[in-house]
Amino acid sequence: MVAGLPPSLTDKAYAELEERIVTLELKPGQVLSENALAASLGIGRTPIREALQRLAREGLIVILPRRGVMVSEINVRSQLELLRVRRELERLMANLASKRASADEKTAFINLAEEMRDCADRSDDVGFMRLDRDLNLMVSRACRNEYALRAMGLTHGLSRRFWYMHYKEVLDLPRCATLHAALAQAIGEGEAETAMRASDELLDYIESFTRAALDVPLNFA
């Protein structure tokens, strides 16, 4: 979606399908029908198909020749490899965003930090997940580096789905929200060194969360 323009039907289809996959409404291994999705979302098949192609690039679905599409399985151990990439990219992007964000963007980061703390106070897990997605998008835009943006875009959905799958068993939501808020606050205040430290501390926690989840049986009921 181009900044300043209203979302296209493809953007709307993507956002809705991505959230349904991430929140496990569409379960790993589930086979999807373009016709059924179009009817469910009230959107034509062409935008649905384009959204599915984007989701396939991000690893959230698998396109099966002559069989349709399937929601990708959750590979727990692969998350640790994903985090190796995220750690380096997110530190870089936090650094760049804190230096390159506009005044309005910095205000938005500070406001987002407060909203995240509020979600933690209310134990609003889905609300926090949506704010986490907003933070990812804001950092991606504010860093003004299209290559980092493209690379990180391939990790966000998979990471948030993993979080949603396991947060009830092993997540400390107040701690997680506090770490995300600290990152947003540092970027909003233009403190590059603080933002990079906040990014590292957040990834440290996410890695410990991921390792704890290795021993938790998957349950998609």
C-alpha atoms as a PDB file:
ATOM      1  CA  MET A   1       0.000   0.000   0.000  1.00  0.00           C
ATOM      2  CA  VAL A   2       1.326   3.443  -0.920  1.00  0.00           C
ATOM      3  CA  ALA A   3       1.464   5.901   1.967  1.00  0.00           C
ATOM      4  CA  GLY A   4      -1.325   8.473   1.815  1.00  0.00           C
ATOM      5  CA  LEU A   5      -3.562   6.374  -0.449  1.00  0.00           C
ATOM      6  CA  PRO A   6      -6.576   4.347   0.707  1.00  0.00           C
ATOM      7  CA  PRO A   7      -6.013   0.589   0.896  1.00  0.00           C
ATOM      8  CA  SER A   8      -6.799  -1.401  -2.216  1.00  0.00           C
ATOM      9  CA  LEU A   9      -9.038  -4.461  -2.203  1.00  0.00           C
ATOM     10  CA  THR A  10      -5.884  -6.573  -2.318  1.00  0.00           C
ATOM     11  CA  ASP A  11      -4.541  -4.749   0.761  1.00  0.00           C
ATOM     12  CA  LYS A  12      -7.835  -5.328   2.576  1.00  0.00           C
ATOM     13  CA  ALA A  13      -7.905  -9.003   1.635  1.00  0.00           C
ATOM     14  CA  TYR A  14      -4.293  -9.433   2.716  1.00  0.00           C
ATOM     15  CA  ALA A  15      -4.804  -7.705   6.086  1.00  0.00           C
ATOM     16  CA  GLU A  16      -7.891  -9.771   6.899  1.00  0.00           C
ATOM     17  CA  LEU A  17      -6.419 -13.101   5.809  1.00  0.00           C
ATOM     18  CA  GLU A  18      -3.100 -12.408   7.536  1.00  0.00           C
ATOM     19  CA  GLU A  19      -4.872 -11.730  10.829  1.00  0.00           C
ATOM     20  CA  ARG A  20      -7.034 -14.850  10.493  1.00  0.00           C
ATOM     21  CA  ILE A  21      -3.930 -16.964   9.903  1.00  0.00           C
ATOM     22  CA  VAL A  22      -1.884 -15.317  12.648  1.00  0.00           C
ATOM     23  CA  THR A  23      -4.702 -15.710  15.205  1.00  0.00           C
ATOM     24  CA  LEU A  24      -5.200 -19.356  14.132  1.00  0.00           C
ATOM     25  CA  GLU A  25      -8.757 -18.818  12.927  1.00  0.00           C
ATOM     26  CA  LEU A  26      -7.325 -20.371   9.770  1.00  0.00           C
ATOM     27  CA  LYS A  27      -5.357 -23.264  11.199  1.00  0.00           C
ATOM     28  CA  PRO A  28      -1.996 -24.721  10.110  1.00  0.00           C
ATOM     29  CA  GLY A  29      -2.580 -27.420   7.511  1.00  0.00           C
ATOM     30  CA  GLN A  30      -6.033 -26.125   6.593  1.00  0.00           C
ATOM     31  CA  VAL A  31      -6.743 -26.117   2.848  1.00  0.00           C
ATOM     32  CA  LEU A  32      -8.328 -22.887   1.619  1.00  0.00           C
ATOM     33  CA  SER A  33     -10.629 -22.216  -1.310  1.00  0.00           C
ATOM     34  CA  GLU A  34     -10.411 -18.942  -3.220  1.00  0.00           C
ATOM     35  CA  ASN A  35     -14.174 -19.023  -3.778  1.00  0.00           C
ATOM     36  CA  ALA A  36     -14.920 -19.565  -0.088  1.00  0.00           C
ATOM     37  CA  LEU A  37     -12.513 -16.817   0.959  1.00  0.00           C
ATOM     38  CA  ALA A  38     -13.999 -14.400  -1.583  1.00  0.00           C
ATOM     39  CA  ALA A  39     -17.490 -15.111  -0.251  1.00  0.00           C
ATOM     40  CA  SER A  40     -16.367 -14.811   3.378  1.00  0.00           C
ATOM     41  CA  LEU A  41     -14.630 -11.463   2.843  1.00  0.00           C
ATOM     42  CA  GLY A  42     -17.026 -10.071   0.270  1.00  0.00           C
ATOM     43  CA  ILE A  43     -14.112  -9.394  -2.062  1.00  0.00           C
ATOM     44  CA  GLY A  44     -13.561 -10.625  -5.632  1.00  0.00           C
ATOM     45  CA  ARG A  45     -11.323 -13.543  -6.509  1.00  0.00           C
ATOM     46  CA  THR A  46      -8.604 -11.436  -8.164  1.00  0.00           C
ATOM     47  CA  PRO A  47      -7.741  -9.451  -4.998  1.00  0.00           C
ATOM     48  CA  ILE A  48      -7.992 -12.685  -2.998  1.00  0.00           C
ATOM     49  CA  ARG A  49      -5.556 -14.415  -5.357  1.00  0.00           C
ATOM     50  CA  GLU A  50      -3.117 -11.484  -5.172  1.00  0.00           C
ATOM     51  CA  ALA A  51      -3.325 -11.464  -1.365  1.00  0.00           C
ATOM     52  CA  LEU A  52      -2.681 -15.213  -1.262  1.00  0.00           C
ATOM     53  CA  GLN A  53       0.395 -14.789  -3.453  1.00  0.00           C
ATOM     54  CA  ARG A  54       1.747 -12.227  -0.989  1.00  0.00           C
ATOM     55  CA  LEU A  55       1.004 -14.532   1.953  1.00  0.00           C
ATOM     56  CA  ALA A  56       2.814 -17.340   0.138  1.00  0.00           C
ATOM     57  CA  ARG A  57       5.911 -15.145  -0.239  1.00  0.00           C
ATOM     58  CA  GLU A  58       5.787 -14.537   3.512  1.00  0.00           C
ATOM     59  CA  GLY A  59       5.568 -18.241   4.288  1.00  0.00           C
ATOM     60  CA  LEU A  60       2.089 -18.164   5.832  1.00  0.00           C
ATOM     61  CA  ILE A  61       0.494 -20.278   3.116  1.00  0.00           C
ATOM     62  CA  VAL A  62       1.698 -22.881   0.644  1.00  0.00           C
ATOM     63  CA  ILE A  63       0.344 -22.919  -2.905  1.00  0.00           C
ATOM     64  CA  LEU A  64      -0.470 -26.486  -3.965  1.00  0.00           C
ATOM     65  CA  PRO A  65      -0.552 -26.937  -7.763  1.00  0.00           C
ATOM     66  CA  ARG A  66      -4.036 -28.031  -8.878  1.00  0.00           C
ATOM     67  CA  ARG A  67      -5.129 -28.447  -5.246  1.00  0.00           C
ATOM     68  CA  GLY A  68      -5.526 -24.885  -3.978  1.00  0.00           C
ATOM     69  CA  VAL A  69      -3.698 -23.335  -1.068  1.00  0.00           C
ATOM     70  CA  MET A  70      -2.891 -24.541   2.445  1.00  0.00           C
ATOM     71  CA  VAL A  71      -2.031 -22.654   5.608  1.00  0.00           C
ATOM     72  CA  SER A  72       1.618 -23.450   6.378  1.00  0.00           C
ATOM     73  CA  GLU A  73       2.534 -25.607   9.344  1.00  0.00           C
ATOM     74  CA  ILE A  74       4.241 -24.130  12.408  1.00  0.00           C
ATOM     75  CA  ASN A  75       7.828 -25.316  12.659  1.00  0.00           C
ATOM     76  CA  VAL A  76       8.826 -24.482  16.212  1.00  0.00           C
ATOM     77  CA  ARG A  77      12.583 -24.973  15.867  1.00  0.00           C
ATOM     78  CA  SER A  78      12.771 -22.879  12.707  1.00  0.00           C
ATOM     79  CA  GLN A  79      11.699 -19.885  14.802  1.00  0.00           C
ATOM     80  CA  LEU A  80      15.135 -19.811  16.419  1.00  0.00           C
ATOM     81  CA  GLU A  81      16.756 -19.500  12.993  1.00  0.00           C
ATOM     82  CA  LEU A  82      14.271 -16.795  12.097  1.00  0.00           C
ATOM     83  CA  LEU A  83      15.274 -14.908  15.245  1.00  0.00           C
ATOM     84  CA  ARG A  84      18.919 -14.882  14.171  1.00  0.00           C
ATOM     85  CA  VAL A  85      17.887 -12.843  11.146  1.00  0.00           C
ATOM     86  CA  ARG A  86      15.426 -10.691  13.055  1.00  0.00           C
ATOM     87  CA  ARG A  87      17.975  -9.718  15.709  1.00  0.00           C
ATOM     88  CA  GLU A  88      20.414  -8.186  13.223  1.00  0.00           C
ATOM     89  CA  LEU A  89      17.769  -6.562  11.047  1.00  0.00           C
ATOM     90  CA  GLU A  90      15.763  -5.126  13.918  1.00  0.00           C
ATOM     91  CA  ARG A  91      18.814  -3.589  15.578  1.00  0.00           C
ATOM     92  CA  LEU A  92      19.721  -1.910  12.282  1.00  0.00           C
ATOM     93  CA  MET A  93      16.172  -0.719  11.670  1.00  0.00           C
ATOM     94  CA  ALA A  94      15.791   0.630  15.211  1.00  0.00           C
ATOM     95  CA  ASN A  95      18.989   2.613  14.742  1.00  0.00           C
ATOM     96  CA  LEU A  96      17.921   4.027  11.378  1.00  0.00           C
ATOM     97  CA  ALA A  97      14.327   4.749  12.435  1.00  0.00           C
ATOM     98  CA  SER A  98      15.431   6.711  15.496  1.00  0.00           C
ATOM     99  CA  LYS A  99      17.590   8.903  13.226  1.00  0.00           C
ATOM    100  CA  ARG A 100      15.330   9.179  10.176  1.00  0.00           C
ATOM    101  CA  ALA A 101      11.781   9.321  11.560  1.00  0.00           C
ATOM    102  CA  SER A 102       9.923  12.574  10.998  1.00  0.00           C
ATOM    103  CA  ALA A 103       8.573  14.630  13.896  1.00  0.00           C
ATOM    104  CA  ASP A 104       5.072  13.263  13.284  1.00  0.00           C
ATOM    105  CA  GLU A 105       6.376   9.709  13.159  1.00  0.00           C
ATOM    106  CA  LYS A 106       8.248  10.179  16.425  1.00  0.00           C
ATOM    107  CA  THR A 107       5.064  11.406  18.077  1.00  0.00           C
ATOM    108  CA  ALA A 108       3.258   8.345  16.728  1.00  0.00           C
ATOM    109  CA  PHE A 109       5.925   6.051  18.227  1.00  0.00           C
ATOM    110  CA  ILE A 110       5.543   7.653  21.647  1.00  0.00           C
ATOM    111  CA  ASN A 111       1.747   7.355  21.450  1.00  0.00           C
ATOM    112  CA  LEU A 112       2.076   3.713  20.421  1.00  0.00           C
ATOM    113  CA  ALA A 113       4.301   3.017  23.421  1.00  0.00           C
ATOM    114  CA  GLU A 114       1.556   4.293  25.703  1.00  0.00           C
ATOM    115  CA  GLU A 115      -1.087   2.192  23.942  1.00  0.00           C
ATOM    116  CA  MET A 116       1.067  -0.914  24.374  1.00  0.00           C
ATOM    117  CA  ARG A 117       1.411  -0.287  28.095  1.00  0.00           C
ATOM    118  CA  ASP A 118      -2.351   0.160  28.298  1.00  0.00           C
ATOM    119  CA  CYS A 119      -2.950  -3.181  26.528  1.00  0.00           C
ATOM    120  CA  ALA A 120      -0.664  -4.859  29.048  1.00  0.00           C
ATOM    121  CA  ASP A 121      -2.574  -3.293  31.945  1.00  0.00           C
ATOM    122  CA  ARG A 122      -5.848  -4.610  30.487  1.00  0.00           C
ATOM    123  CA  SER A 123      -4.371  -8.000  29.458  1.00  0.00           C
ATOM    124  CA  ASP A 124      -5.641  -7.293  25.943  1.00  0.00           C
ATOM    125  CA  ASP A 125      -3.672  -9.883  23.973  1.00  0.00           C
ATOM    126  CA  VAL A 126      -5.306  -9.388  20.570  1.00  0.00           C
ATOM    127  CA  GLY A 127      -5.098  -5.609  20.927  1.00  0.00           C
ATOM    128  CA  PHE A 128      -1.407  -5.912  21.749  1.00  0.00           C
ATOM    129  CA  MET A 129      -0.847  -8.195  18.755  1.00  0.00           C
ATOM    130  CA  ARG A 130      -2.365  -5.554  16.476  1.00  0.00           C
ATOM    131  CA  LEU A 131      -0.197  -2.843  18.035  1.00  0.00           C
ATOM    132  CA  ASP A 132       2.834  -5.082  17.559  1.00  0.00           C
ATOM    133  CA  ARG A 133       1.992  -5.249  13.859  1.00  0.00           C
ATOM    134  CA  ASP A 134       1.639  -1.450  13.814  1.00  0.00           C
ATOM    135  CA  LEU A 135       5.059  -1.084  15.452  1.00  0.00           C
ATOM    136  CA  ASN A 136       6.637  -3.372  12.874  1.00  0.00           C
ATOM    137  CA  LEU A 137       5.119  -1.362  10.033  1.00  0.00           C
ATOM    138  CA  MET A 138       6.068   1.972  11.576  1.00  0.00           C
ATOM    139  CA  VAL A 139       9.689   0.954  12.099  1.00  0.00           C
ATOM    140  CA  SER A 140       9.835  -0.425   8.571  1.00  0.00           C
ATOM    141  CA  ARG A 141       8.631   2.877   7.133  1.00  0.00           C
ATOM    142  CA  ALA A 142      10.636   5.160   9.417  1.00  0.00           C
ATOM    143  CA  CYS A 143      13.975   3.451   8.792  1.00  0.00           C
ATOM    144  CA  ARG A 144      13.789   4.585   5.135  1.00  0.00           C
ATOM    145  CA  ASN A 145      15.583   1.475   3.886  1.00  0.00           C
ATOM    146  CA  GLU A 146      13.592  -0.497   1.343  1.00  0.00           C
ATOM    147  CA  TYR A 147      15.868  -3.543   1.512  1.00  0.00           C
ATOM    148  CA  ALA A 148      15.533  -3.924   5.270  1.00  0.00           C
ATOM    149  CA  LEU A 149      11.787  -3.370   4.891  1.00  0.00           C
ATOM    150  CA  ARG A 150      11.471  -6.186   2.357  1.00  0.00           C
ATOM    151  CA  ALA A 151      13.534  -8.567   4.443  1.00  0.00           C
ATOM    152  CA  MET A 152      11.617  -7.893   7.655  1.00  0.00           C
ATOM    153  CA  GLY A 153       8.291  -8.155   5.881  1.00  0.00           C
ATOM    154  CA  LEU A 154       8.996 -11.847   5.348  1.00  0.00           C
ATOM    155  CA  THR A 155       9.307 -12.510   9.095  1.00  0.00           C
ATOM    156  CA  HIS A 156       6.511 -10.526  10.742  1.00  0.00           C
ATOM    157  CA  GLY A 157       3.515 -12.778  10.129  1.00  0.00           C
ATOM    158  CA  LEU A 158       5.350 -15.988  11.002  1.00  0.00           C
ATOM    159  CA  SER A 159       6.670 -14.438  14.211  1.00  0.00           C
ATOM    160  CA  ARG A 160       3.290 -13.096  15.339  1.00  0.00           C
ATOM    161  CA  ARG A 161       1.560 -16.415  14.591  1.00  0.00           C
ATOM    162  CA  PHE A 162       4.128 -18.242  16.712  1.00  0.00           C
ATOM    163  CA  TRP A 163       3.563 -15.714  19.501  1.00  0.00           C
ATOM    164  CA  TYR A 164      -0.211 -16.148  19.332  1.00  0.00           C
ATOM    165  CA  MET A 165       0.118 -19.932  19.370  1.00  0.00           C
ATOM    166  CA  HIS A 166       2.153 -20.028  22.581  1.00  0.00           C
ATOM    167  CA  TYR A 167       1.536 -16.845  24.529  1.00  0.00           C
ATOM    168  CA  LYS A 168      -1.045 -18.338  26.892  1.00  0.00           C
ATOM    169  CA  GLU A 169       1.388 -20.962  28.125  1.00  0.00           C
ATOM    170  CA  VAL A 170       4.724 -19.152  28.262  1.00  0.00           C
ATOM    171  CA  LEU A 171       4.344 -15.419  27.599  1.00  0.00           C
ATOM    172  CA  ASP A 172       4.671 -12.734  30.247  1.00  0.00           C
ATOM    173  CA  LEU A 173       2.442 -10.171  28.491  1.00  0.00           C
ATOM    174  CA  PRO A 174       3.301  -7.199  30.765  1.00  0.00           C
ATOM    175  CA  ARG A 175       7.030  -7.879  30.307  1.00  0.00           C
ATOM    176  CA  CYS A 176       6.678  -8.328  26.555  1.00  0.00           C
ATOM    177  CA  ALA A 177       4.590  -5.169  26.189  1.00  0.00           C
ATOM    178  CA  THR A 178       7.023  -3.187  28.335  1.00  0.00           C
ATOM    179  CA  LEU A 179       9.940  -4.208  26.115  1.00  0.00           C
ATOM    180  CA  HIS A 180       8.044  -3.306  22.931  1.00  0.00           C
ATOM    181  CA  ALA A 181       7.007   0.010  24.467  1.00  0.00           C
ATOM    182  CA  ALA A 182      10.611   0.779  25.431  1.00  0.00           C
ATOM    183  CA  LEU A 183      11.672   0.282  21.820  1.00  0.00           C
ATOM    184  CA  ALA A 184       8.887   2.512  20.506  1.00  0.00           C
ATOM    185  CA  GLN A 185       9.670   5.158  23.135  1.00  0.00           C
ATOM    186  CA  ALA A 186      13.384   5.222  22.301  1.00  0.00           C
ATOM    187  CA  ILE A 187      12.712   5.598  18.578  1.00  0.00           C
ATOM    188  CA  GLY A 188      10.171   8.316  19.312  1.00  0.00           C
ATOM    189  CA  GLU A 189      12.753  10.178  21.378  1.00  0.00           C
ATOM    190  CA  GLY A 190      15.396   9.808  18.675  1.00  0.00           C
ATOM    191  CA  GLU A 191      17.794   7.922  20.942  1.00  0.00           C
ATOM    192  CA  ALA A 192      19.612   5.562  18.560  1.00  0.00           C
ATOM    193  CA  GLU A 193      21.828   3.812  21.111  1.00  0.00           C
ATOM    194  CA  THR A 194      18.918   3.317  23.496  1.00  0.00           C
ATOM    195  CA  ALA A 195      16.767   2.016  20.641  1.00  0.00           C
ATOM    196  CA  MET A 196      19.386  -0.560  19.655  1.00  0.00           C
ATOM    197  CA  ARG A 197      19.718  -1.752  23.260  1.00  0.00           C
ATOM    198  CA  ALA A 198      15.932  -1.941  23.542  1.00  0.00           C
ATOM    199  CA  SER A 199      15.819  -3.988  20.347  1.00  0.00           C
ATOM    200  CA  ASP A 200      18.423  -6.428  21.708  1.00  0.00           C
ATOM    201  CA  GLU A 201      16.596  -6.752  25.033  1.00  0.00           C
ATOM    202  CA  LEU A 202      13.326  -7.428  23.205  1.00  0.00           C
ATOM    203  CA  LEU A 203      14.930 -10.115  21.039  1.00  0.00           C
ATOM    204  CA  ASP A 204      16.549 -11.652  24.130  1.00  0.00           C
ATOM    205  CA  TYR A 205      13.084 -12.027  25.631  1.00  0.00           C
ATOM    206  CA  ILE A 206      11.562 -13.342  22.404  1.00  0.00           C
ATOM    207  CA  GLU A 207      14.316 -15.940  22.161  1.00  0.00           C
ATOM    208  CA  SER A 208      13.717 -17.091  25.741  1.00  0.00           C
ATOM    209  CA  PHE A 209       9.978 -17.260  24.966  1.00  0.00           C
ATOM    210  CA  THR A 210      10.707 -19.332  21.866  1.00  0.00           C
ATOM    211  CA  ARG A 211      12.956 -21.758  23.727  1.00  0.00           C
ATOM    212  CA  ALA A 212      10.316 -22.187  26.427  1.00  0.00           C
ATOM    213  CA  ALA A 213       7.738 -22.956  23.741  1.00  0.00           C
ATOM    214  CA  LEU A 214       9.798 -25.856  22.394  1.00  0.00           C
ATOM    215  CA  ASP A 215       8.470 -28.040  25.209  1.00  0.00           C
ATOM    216  CA  VAL A 216       4.829 -26.975  24.785  1.00  0.00           C
ATOM    217  CA  PRO A 217       2.641 -29.349  22.709  1.00  0.00           C
ATOM    218  CA  LEU A 218       0.960 -27.684  19.735  1.00  0.00           C
ATOM    219  CA  ASN A 219      -2.813 -27.390  20.083  1.00  0.00           C
ATOM    220  CA  PHE A 220      -4.925 -25.814  17.355  1.00  0.00           C
ATOM    221  CA  ALA A 221      -8.328 -26.572  18.899  1.00  0.00           C
END
